[in-house]
């Protein structure tokens, strides 16, 4: 299973890491995901959900 939120689709974001001497190198930021048991189609299921979706009650937790 990939590191993507199953509700909103939030995943990795890429950009540059900038050092003190202003050198640029590529890096990635991972989404803040939690393994949560949710009710999907009437059955409990374990999925990865970002903390933003958990706070805004976009999922029904089991």
N, C-alpha and C. Protein backbone atom coordinates (compact mmCIF):
# COMPACT_ATOMS: atom_id res chain seq x y z
N UNK A 1 0.85 -1.18 0.00
CA UNK A 1 0.00 0.00 0.00
C UNK A 1 0.89 1.24 0.00
N UNK A 2 0.55 2.18 -0.84
CA UNK A 2 1.39 3.37 -0.97
C UNK A 2 1.08 4.38 0.13
N UNK A 3 1.93 5.39 0.22
CA UNK A 3 1.78 6.42 1.25
C UNK A 3 0.89 7.55 0.76
N UNK A 4 -0.38 7.21 0.50
CA UNK A 4 -1.36 8.17 0.00
C UNK A 4 -2.62 8.08 0.86
N UNK A 5 -3.19 9.23 1.19
CA UNK A 5 -4.44 9.25 1.96
C UNK A 5 -5.56 8.70 1.09
N UNK A 6 -6.35 7.77 1.63
CA UNK A 6 -7.42 7.15 0.85
C UNK A 6 -8.64 8.06 0.73
N UNK A 7 -8.71 9.14 1.51
CA UNK A 7 -9.86 10.04 1.46
C UNK A 7 -9.62 11.18 0.47
N UNK A 8 -8.53 11.92 0.66
CA UNK A 8 -8.30 13.12 -0.16
C UNK A 8 -7.23 12.93 -1.22
N UNK A 9 -6.44 11.85 -1.14
CA UNK A 9 -5.41 11.60 -2.14
C UNK A 9 -4.10 12.33 -1.89
N UNK A 10 -3.94 12.89 -0.71
CA UNK A 10 -2.70 13.59 -0.38
C UNK A 10 -1.55 12.59 -0.29
N UNK A 11 -0.41 12.93 -0.89
CA UNK A 11 0.73 12.02 -0.88
C UNK A 11 2.04 12.78 -0.75
N UNK A 12 3.08 12.26 -1.42
CA UNK A 12 4.38 12.89 -1.36
C UNK A 12 4.40 14.18 -2.18
N UNK A 13 5.19 15.15 -1.68
CA UNK A 13 5.41 16.40 -2.39
C UNK A 13 6.92 16.56 -2.51
N UNK A 14 7.39 16.97 -3.69
CA UNK A 14 8.83 17.12 -3.88
C UNK A 14 9.19 18.60 -3.97
N UNK A 15 10.47 18.87 -3.67
CA UNK A 15 10.96 20.23 -3.72
C UNK A 15 12.46 20.24 -3.51
N UNK A 16 12.98 21.37 -3.11
CA UNK A 16 14.41 21.51 -2.92
C UNK A 16 14.76 21.69 -1.45
N UNK A 17 15.83 21.01 -1.03
CA UNK A 17 16.42 21.26 0.28
C UNK A 17 17.51 22.30 0.05
N UNK A 18 17.43 23.41 0.77
CA UNK A 18 18.35 24.51 0.56
C UNK A 18 19.26 24.61 1.77
N UNK A 19 20.58 24.50 1.56
CA UNK A 19 21.54 24.55 2.65
C UNK A 19 21.87 26.00 3.00
N UNK A 20 22.69 26.16 4.00
CA UNK A 20 23.09 27.50 4.43
C UNK A 20 23.89 28.21 3.33
N UNK A 21 24.64 27.44 2.53
CA UNK A 21 25.41 28.03 1.44
C UNK A 21 24.57 28.15 0.16
N UNK A 22 23.26 27.95 0.27
CA UNK A 22 22.29 28.08 -0.83
C UNK A 22 22.44 27.00 -1.90
N UNK A 23 23.04 25.85 -1.54
CA UNK A 23 23.07 24.72 -2.47
C UNK A 23 21.69 24.06 -2.46
N UNK A 24 21.22 23.64 -3.62
CA UNK A 24 19.91 23.01 -3.75
C UNK A 24 20.07 21.53 -4.07
N UNK A 25 19.32 20.70 -3.36
CA UNK A 25 19.25 19.28 -3.67
C UNK A 25 17.80 18.83 -3.51
N UNK A 26 17.39 17.87 -4.31
CA UNK A 26 16.00 17.42 -4.30
C UNK A 26 15.68 16.66 -3.02
N UNK A 27 14.47 16.84 -2.51
CA UNK A 27 14.00 16.10 -1.36
C UNK A 27 12.49 15.94 -1.45
N UNK A 28 11.92 15.11 -0.59
CA UNK A 28 10.48 14.88 -0.60
C UNK A 28 9.93 15.08 0.82
N UNK A 29 8.67 15.47 0.87
CA UNK A 29 7.93 15.58 2.12
C UNK A 29 6.82 14.54 2.07
N UNK A 30 6.69 13.77 3.13
CA UNK A 30 5.65 12.75 3.20
C UNK A 30 4.43 13.30 3.93
N UNK A 31 3.27 12.84 3.55
CA UNK A 31 2.04 13.25 4.23
C UNK A 31 1.99 12.61 5.61
N UNK A 32 1.32 13.27 6.54
CA UNK A 32 1.18 12.77 7.91
C UNK A 32 0.00 11.80 7.94
N UNK A 33 0.29 10.51 7.75
CA UNK A 33 -0.75 9.49 7.62
C UNK A 33 -0.83 8.64 8.88
N UNK A 34 -2.04 8.17 9.17
CA UNK A 34 -2.28 7.27 10.29
C UNK A 34 -3.08 6.07 9.80
N UNK A 35 -2.73 4.87 10.32
CA UNK A 35 -3.52 3.68 10.03
C UNK A 35 -4.75 3.70 10.93
N UNK A 36 -5.93 3.73 10.31
CA UNK A 36 -7.17 3.90 11.04
C UNK A 36 -8.16 2.85 10.57
N UNK A 37 -8.95 2.34 11.51
CA UNK A 37 -10.02 1.41 11.15
C UNK A 37 -11.27 2.24 10.88
N UNK A 38 -11.78 2.18 9.64
CA UNK A 38 -12.95 2.97 9.26
C UNK A 38 -14.06 2.04 8.80
N UNK A 39 -15.28 2.56 8.79
CA UNK A 39 -16.43 1.82 8.28
C UNK A 39 -16.59 2.18 6.81
N UNK A 40 -16.42 1.19 5.94
CA UNK A 40 -16.54 1.41 4.50
C UNK A 40 -17.50 0.36 3.95
N UNK A 41 -18.62 0.80 3.39
CA UNK A 41 -19.68 -0.07 2.87
C UNK A 41 -20.22 -1.00 3.96
N UNK A 42 -20.31 -0.50 5.18
CA UNK A 42 -20.87 -1.28 6.28
C UNK A 42 -19.92 -2.23 6.95
N UNK A 43 -18.68 -2.35 6.48
CA UNK A 43 -17.71 -3.26 7.08
C UNK A 43 -16.49 -2.47 7.55
N UNK A 44 -15.90 -2.86 8.68
CA UNK A 44 -14.69 -2.17 9.14
C UNK A 44 -13.49 -2.55 8.27
N UNK A 45 -12.64 -1.57 8.00
CA UNK A 45 -11.50 -1.78 7.12
C UNK A 45 -10.36 -0.89 7.58
N UNK A 46 -9.10 -1.38 7.51
CA UNK A 46 -7.93 -0.58 7.87
C UNK A 46 -7.42 0.18 6.65
N UNK A 47 -7.34 1.50 6.76
CA UNK A 47 -6.87 2.33 5.66
C UNK A 47 -5.93 3.40 6.22
N UNK A 48 -5.16 4.03 5.31
CA UNK A 48 -4.29 5.13 5.69
C UNK A 48 -5.01 6.44 5.42
N UNK A 49 -5.12 7.27 6.47
CA UNK A 49 -5.84 8.53 6.38
C UNK A 49 -4.93 9.62 6.93
N UNK A 50 -4.91 10.79 6.25
CA UNK A 50 -4.09 11.90 6.73
C UNK A 50 -4.77 12.53 7.95
N UNK A 51 -3.97 13.21 8.76
CA UNK A 51 -4.49 13.78 10.00
C UNK A 51 -5.45 14.93 9.73
N UNK A 52 -5.33 15.59 8.59
CA UNK A 52 -6.28 16.67 8.25
C UNK A 52 -7.68 16.09 8.07
N UNK A 53 -7.78 14.95 7.38
CA UNK A 53 -9.09 14.31 7.19
C UNK A 53 -9.65 13.77 8.50
N UNK A 54 -8.78 13.30 9.40
CA UNK A 54 -9.24 12.81 10.69
C UNK A 54 -9.80 13.96 11.53
N UNK A 55 -9.13 15.11 11.52
CA UNK A 55 -9.58 16.25 12.31
C UNK A 55 -10.89 16.82 11.80
N UNK A 56 -11.08 16.80 10.47
CA UNK A 56 -12.29 17.40 9.91
C UNK A 56 -13.43 16.38 9.75
N UNK A 57 -13.28 15.21 10.37
CA UNK A 57 -14.32 14.18 10.42
C UNK A 57 -14.81 13.76 9.03
N UNK A 58 -13.89 13.54 8.13
CA UNK A 58 -14.25 13.09 6.79
C UNK A 58 -14.38 11.56 6.72
N UNK A 59 -14.06 10.85 7.80
CA UNK A 59 -14.17 9.40 7.83
C UNK A 59 -15.00 8.99 9.04
N UNK A 60 -15.68 7.85 8.92
CA UNK A 60 -16.42 7.27 10.03
C UNK A 60 -15.54 6.19 10.66
N UNK A 61 -15.01 6.47 11.85
CA UNK A 61 -14.13 5.50 12.50
C UNK A 61 -14.93 4.35 13.09
N UNK A 62 -14.33 3.17 13.03
CA UNK A 62 -14.99 1.97 13.55
C UNK A 62 -14.75 1.86 15.05
